[in-house]
Amino acid sequence: MTKTIAVLGTGKIGEALLSGMIRAGWRPADLLVTTRRAERASQLRDRYGVEPVTNAEAAKRADTLILAVKPQDMGKLLDELAPHVAADRLVISAAAGIPTAFIEERLTTGISVVRVMPNTPVLVDEGMSVISGGSHATPADLNHTDEIFGGVGKTARVPESQQDAATALSGSGPAYFYFLVEAMTDAGILLGLPRAQAHDLIVQAAIGAAVMLRDSGEHPVKLREAVTSPAGTTISAIRELENHGVRAALIAAIEAARDRSRELASGNG
């Protein structure tokens, strides 16, 4: 872990990566950060002991550049970096919908680019980060990216052609669960439970179900069937979910997210 890494655009996701790297063993002295506001730069220096620099200085000094800016800010950032990024650098993009080719075309010929789609649970070290290599990315580049993002959760590798699908499932996935929890909480209130108690019951049920899915190795159908007694309460609820087309609605929603990711990738923002 002797390489210098710069996080450009150190917002919530960038800061989560920064703190994860430090916990995983990177030295603060080997980490650089960039941010728009001087106040934010001072906060990051005080909190983590890292050095705030300009984007140009980060491009000159860092072996690995993590671009954690919003997709609409990527073009301007790349224009700023282009004169300063050497061909032996690794550029990791965590911006949704930005293809590696977009970055490769704007930087030094032959530069290694890796595209990553993290999700917001990286903020609590339970993220899922989906990784794809660009035209010049090597196995070592992908392993290095795994090291960085593995500090804040799990990683998976997919061909870049599958990144839009991964964004729809994993990148946007937490929002679907929050939506369901919100609806279930409203149901609990309708049935007479206090909001706080309904929330606690649902959150713990969700945590327990997720751990069982992760650790049991069982298919979700089998786990659902284990809860579903003949003529019981659960099957009555499942029947209503099917009658209201919840399964079909979820599939359609995820397809819509995939299609929107494709639009963003093509520049139709």
Protein backbone atom coordinates (compact mmCIF):
# COMPACT_ATOMS: atom_id res chain seq x y z
CA MET A 1 0.00 0.00 0.00
CA THR A 2 2.76 2.46 -0.94
CA LYS A 3 0.97 4.06 -3.86
CA THR A 4 -0.35 7.59 -3.51
CA ILE A 5 -4.10 7.78 -3.99
CA ALA A 6 -6.11 10.94 -4.58
CA VAL A 7 -9.86 11.20 -4.07
CA LEU A 8 -11.19 13.96 -6.30
CA GLY A 9 -14.55 15.27 -5.14
CA THR A 10 -14.61 14.18 -1.51
CA GLY A 11 -18.33 14.22 -0.76
CA LYS A 12 -20.16 11.50 1.15
CA ILE A 13 -19.06 8.61 -1.08
CA GLY A 14 -15.53 9.98 -1.43
CA GLU A 15 -15.18 10.40 2.32
CA ALA A 16 -16.52 6.88 2.91
CA LEU A 17 -13.81 5.52 0.60
CA LEU A 18 -11.20 7.65 2.33
CA SER A 19 -12.09 6.41 5.80
CA GLY A 20 -12.34 2.83 4.54
CA MET A 21 -8.86 2.97 3.04
CA ILE A 22 -7.40 4.29 6.30
CA ARG A 23 -9.07 1.50 8.28
CA ALA A 24 -7.73 -1.00 5.74
CA GLY A 25 -4.14 0.16 6.29
CA TRP A 26 -3.39 3.01 3.90
CA ARG A 27 -1.35 5.73 5.55
CA PRO A 28 -2.93 9.21 5.59
CA ALA A 29 0.40 10.49 4.27
CA ASP A 30 -0.24 8.54 1.05
CA LEU A 31 -3.74 9.95 0.56
CA LEU A 32 -4.67 13.22 -1.14
CA VAL A 33 -8.10 14.83 -1.36
CA THR A 34 -9.65 17.58 -3.43
CA THR A 35 -12.78 19.54 -2.64
CA ARG A 36 -14.38 22.78 -3.78
CA ARG A 37 -14.59 24.47 -0.39
CA ALA A 38 -11.69 25.44 1.86
CA GLU A 39 -13.82 24.70 4.92
CA ARG A 40 -14.40 21.15 3.73
CA ALA A 41 -10.68 20.71 2.99
CA SER A 42 -9.81 21.74 6.55
CA GLN A 43 -12.42 19.38 7.93
CA LEU A 44 -10.96 16.41 6.03
CA ARG A 45 -7.40 17.31 7.08
CA ASP A 46 -8.41 17.53 10.73
CA ARG A 47 -10.54 14.39 10.67
CA TYR A 48 -8.21 12.03 8.75
CA GLY A 49 -4.79 13.66 8.61
CA VAL A 50 -4.82 13.72 4.80
CA GLU A 51 -3.50 16.49 2.56
CA PRO A 52 -5.97 18.63 0.57
CA VAL A 53 -4.62 19.65 -2.86
CA THR A 54 -5.86 21.09 -6.13
CA ASN A 55 -7.10 18.80 -8.90
CA ALA A 56 -4.03 19.59 -10.99
CA GLU A 57 -1.67 18.79 -8.12
CA ALA A 58 -3.52 15.53 -7.44
CA ALA A 59 -3.11 14.54 -11.09
CA LYS A 60 0.63 15.24 -10.95
CA ARG A 61 1.36 13.50 -7.65
CA ALA A 62 -1.02 10.55 -7.28
CA ASP A 63 -0.51 7.11 -8.80
CA THR A 64 -4.26 6.44 -8.56
CA LEU A 65 -6.99 9.02 -9.12
CA ILE A 66 -10.49 8.25 -7.83
CA LEU A 67 -13.01 10.50 -9.57
CA ALA A 68 -15.93 10.76 -7.15
CA VAL A 69 -17.67 13.77 -8.70
CA LYS A 70 -21.22 13.98 -10.03
CA PRO A 71 -21.66 12.75 -13.63
CA GLN A 72 -22.51 16.24 -14.88
CA ASP A 73 -19.19 17.54 -13.51
CA MET A 74 -17.02 14.85 -15.09
CA GLY A 75 -16.33 16.58 -18.42
CA LYS A 76 -15.08 19.76 -16.76
CA LEU A 77 -12.91 17.78 -14.32
CA LEU A 78 -11.31 15.75 -17.11
CA ASP A 79 -10.50 18.92 -19.04
CA GLU A 80 -8.73 20.21 -15.93
CA LEU A 81 -6.83 16.96 -15.37
CA ALA A 82 -5.84 16.16 -18.96
CA PRO A 83 -2.65 18.28 -19.17
CA HIS A 84 -1.29 16.75 -15.95
CA VAL A 85 -2.15 13.01 -16.02
CA ALA A 86 0.69 10.73 -17.12
CA ALA A 87 0.04 7.52 -19.06
CA ASP A 88 1.14 5.31 -16.16
CA ARG A 89 -1.65 6.50 -13.85
CA LEU A 90 -4.74 4.53 -12.88
CA VAL A 91 -8.01 6.45 -13.08
CA ILE A 92 -11.01 5.03 -11.21
CA SER A 93 -14.40 6.57 -11.92
CA ALA A 94 -17.21 6.28 -9.38
CA ALA A 95 -19.59 8.49 -11.39
CA ALA A 96 -22.84 6.84 -12.44
CA GLY A 97 -23.38 6.30 -16.14
CA ILE A 98 -19.97 7.52 -17.34
CA PRO A 99 -18.35 4.91 -19.66
CA THR A 100 -14.62 4.28 -19.52
CA ALA A 101 -14.34 5.33 -23.18
CA PHE A 102 -15.54 8.83 -22.25
CA ILE A 103 -12.62 9.18 -19.85
CA GLU A 104 -10.05 7.45 -22.07
CA GLU A 105 -10.82 9.81 -24.96
CA ARG A 106 -10.14 12.88 -22.82
CA LEU A 107 -6.93 11.79 -21.10
CA THR A 108 -3.51 10.50 -22.14
CA THR A 109 -3.56 7.78 -24.80
CA GLY A 110 -3.34 4.30 -23.31
CA ILE A 111 -4.24 5.30 -19.75
CA SER A 112 -5.83 2.67 -17.49
CA VAL A 113 -9.41 3.44 -16.51
CA VAL A 114 -11.66 1.41 -14.22
CA ARG A 115 -15.37 2.11 -13.79
CA VAL A 116 -17.00 1.43 -10.42
CA MET A 117 -20.65 1.67 -9.37
CA PRO A 118 -20.77 1.80 -5.56
CA ASN A 119 -24.01 2.16 -3.60
CA THR A 120 -24.73 4.27 -0.54
CA PRO A 121 -24.25 1.49 2.08
CA VAL A 122 -20.51 2.09 1.58
CA LEU A 123 -21.19 4.77 4.20
CA VAL A 124 -21.64 1.98 6.78
CA ASP A 125 -19.05 -0.44 5.30
CA GLU A 126 -21.80 -2.62 3.77
CA GLY A 127 -21.58 -1.39 0.21
CA MET A 128 -21.71 -3.28 -3.05
CA SER A 129 -19.28 -1.91 -5.63
CA VAL A 130 -19.45 -3.25 -9.18
CA ILE A 131 -16.17 -2.99 -11.10
CA SER A 132 -15.43 -2.96 -14.85
CA GLY A 133 -12.10 -2.43 -16.57
CA GLY A 134 -11.60 -0.14 -19.53
CA SER A 135 -9.64 -0.87 -22.70
CA HIS A 136 -6.21 -0.63 -21.05
CA ALA A 137 -6.95 -1.76 -17.48
CA THR A 138 -4.79 -4.67 -16.32
CA PRO A 139 -5.57 -7.44 -13.79
CA ALA A 140 -3.33 -5.54 -11.35
CA ASP A 141 -5.46 -2.41 -11.84
CA LEU A 142 -8.63 -4.36 -11.10
CA ASN A 143 -7.05 -5.96 -8.03
CA HIS A 144 -6.00 -2.54 -6.76
CA THR A 145 -9.56 -1.26 -7.26
CA ASP A 146 -10.85 -4.29 -5.34
CA GLU A 147 -8.51 -3.39 -2.47
CA ILE A 148 -9.80 0.16 -2.27
CA PHE A 149 -13.52 -0.57 -2.50
CA GLY A 150 -13.26 -3.78 -0.47
CA GLY A 151 -12.63 -1.59 2.56
CA VAL A 152 -16.25 -0.38 2.49
CA GLY A 153 -18.11 -3.57 1.60
CA LYS A 154 -18.09 -6.21 -1.12
CA THR A 155 -17.00 -5.94 -4.74
CA ALA A 156 -18.00 -7.73 -7.90
CA ARG A 157 -16.61 -7.60 -11.44
CA VAL A 158 -18.77 -7.45 -14.55
CA PRO A 159 -18.14 -6.61 -18.20
CA GLU A 160 -18.80 -2.93 -18.77
CA SER A 161 -21.74 -3.85 -21.01
CA GLN A 162 -23.50 -5.04 -17.82
CA GLN A 163 -22.83 -1.90 -15.78
CA ASP A 164 -26.24 -0.38 -16.57
CA ALA A 165 -27.96 -3.52 -15.29
CA ALA A 166 -25.75 -3.53 -12.19
CA THR A 167 -26.57 0.14 -11.59
CA ALA A 168 -30.29 -0.63 -11.76
CA LEU A 169 -30.01 -3.55 -9.33
CA SER A 170 -27.24 -2.58 -6.94
CA GLY A 171 -26.64 1.15 -7.32
CA SER A 172 -30.33 2.02 -7.05
CA GLY A 173 -31.21 -1.10 -5.03
CA PRO A 174 -31.10 0.45 -1.54
CA ALA A 175 -33.78 2.96 -2.57
CA TYR A 176 -36.18 0.13 -3.45
CA PHE A 177 -35.76 -1.34 0.04
CA TYR A 178 -36.26 2.05 1.68
CA PHE A 179 -39.44 2.47 -0.36
CA LEU A 180 -40.73 -0.91 0.83
CA VAL A 181 -39.83 -0.13 4.45
CA GLU A 182 -41.68 3.18 4.16
CA ALA A 183 -44.80 1.41 2.82
CA MET A 184 -44.61 -1.32 5.46
CA THR A 185 -44.23 1.28 8.21
CA ASP A 186 -47.39 3.01 6.96
CA ALA A 187 -49.13 -0.36 7.06
CA GLY A 188 -48.01 -0.90 10.65
CA ILE A 189 -49.44 2.50 11.63
CA LEU A 190 -52.71 1.65 9.86
CA LEU A 191 -52.85 -1.54 11.94
CA GLY A 192 -52.45 0.44 15.15
CA LEU A 193 -48.73 0.31 15.96
CA PRO A 194 -46.76 3.44 16.90
CA ARG A 195 -44.52 4.63 14.03
CA ALA A 196 -41.26 4.06 15.94
CA GLN A 197 -42.23 0.53 16.92
CA ALA A 198 -43.41 -0.35 13.41
CA HIS A 199 -40.12 0.96 12.04
CA ASP A 200 -38.03 -1.08 14.50
CA LEU A 201 -39.96 -4.27 13.76
CA ILE A 202 -39.53 -3.89 10.01
CA VAL A 203 -35.85 -2.90 10.10
CA GLN A 204 -34.93 -5.89 12.25
CA ALA A 205 -36.96 -8.19 10.02
CA ALA A 206 -35.09 -6.80 7.01
CA ILE A 207 -31.68 -7.25 8.68
CA GLY A 208 -32.51 -10.80 9.73
CA ALA A 209 -33.84 -11.72 6.29
CA ALA A 210 -30.76 -10.27 4.58
CA VAL A 211 -28.38 -12.19 6.85
CA MET A 212 -30.30 -15.42 6.20
CA LEU A 213 -30.13 -14.83 2.46
CA ARG A 214 -26.40 -14.16 2.66
CA ASP A 215 -25.40 -16.92 5.08
CA SER A 216 -27.79 -19.81 4.47
CA GLY A 217 -27.08 -20.33 0.79
CA GLU A 218 -30.76 -21.09 0.29
CA HIS A 219 -32.79 -19.82 -2.67
CA PRO A 220 -35.14 -16.98 -1.64
CA VAL A 221 -38.13 -19.09 -2.68
CA LYS A 222 -37.17 -21.74 -0.10
CA LEU A 223 -36.73 -19.15 2.62
CA ARG A 224 -40.08 -17.59 1.77
CA GLU A 225 -41.80 -20.98 1.76
CA ALA A 226 -40.40 -21.67 5.25
CA VAL A 227 -42.41 -18.67 6.51
CA THR A 228 -45.52 -19.50 4.49
CA SER A 229 -47.81 -21.92 6.34
CA PRO A 230 -50.87 -23.42 4.60
CA ALA A 231 -53.88 -21.12 5.00
CA GLY A 232 -51.79 -18.83 7.20
CA THR A 233 -51.18 -15.12 7.43
CA THR A 234 -48.17 -14.98 5.10
CA ILE A 235 -49.82 -16.71 2.14
CA SER A 236 -52.74 -14.29 2.45
CA ALA A 237 -50.30 -11.40 2.19
CA ILE A 238 -48.39 -12.99 -0.72
CA ARG A 239 -51.66 -13.48 -2.61
CA GLU A 240 -52.42 -9.76 -2.31
CA LEU A 241 -48.92 -8.83 -3.48
CA GLU A 242 -49.38 -11.03 -6.55
CA ASN A 243 -52.90 -9.71 -7.17
CA HIS A 244 -51.55 -6.17 -7.17
CA GLY A 245 -48.71 -7.01 -9.55
CA VAL A 246 -45.89 -6.15 -7.16
CA ARG A 247 -43.46 -8.61 -8.80
CA ALA A 248 -44.17 -7.22 -12.28
CA ALA A 249 -43.91 -3.65 -10.98
CA LEU A 250 -40.48 -4.31 -9.45
CA ILE A 251 -39.20 -5.85 -12.69
CA ALA A 252 -40.53 -2.90 -14.69
CA ALA A 253 -38.99 -0.42 -12.23
CA ILE A 254 -35.56 -2.03 -12.48
CA GLU A 255 -35.78 -2.08 -16.27
CA ALA A 256 -36.63 1.64 -16.19
CA ALA A 257 -33.56 2.30 -14.02
CA ARG A 258 -31.42 0.32 -16.49
CA ASP A 259 -32.79 2.34 -19.41
CA ARG A 260 -32.12 5.63 -17.62
CA SER A 261 -28.54 4.54 -16.92
CA ARG A 262 -28.12 3.90 -20.65
CA GLU A 263 -29.46 7.38 -21.41
CA LEU A 264 -26.97 8.95 -19.02
CA ALA A 265 -24.13 6.94 -20.57
CA SER A 266 -25.07 8.18 -24.04
CA GLY A 267 -25.06 11.79 -22.87
CA ASN A 268 -28.83 12.26 -22.86
CA GLY A 269 -28.91 13.60 -19.31
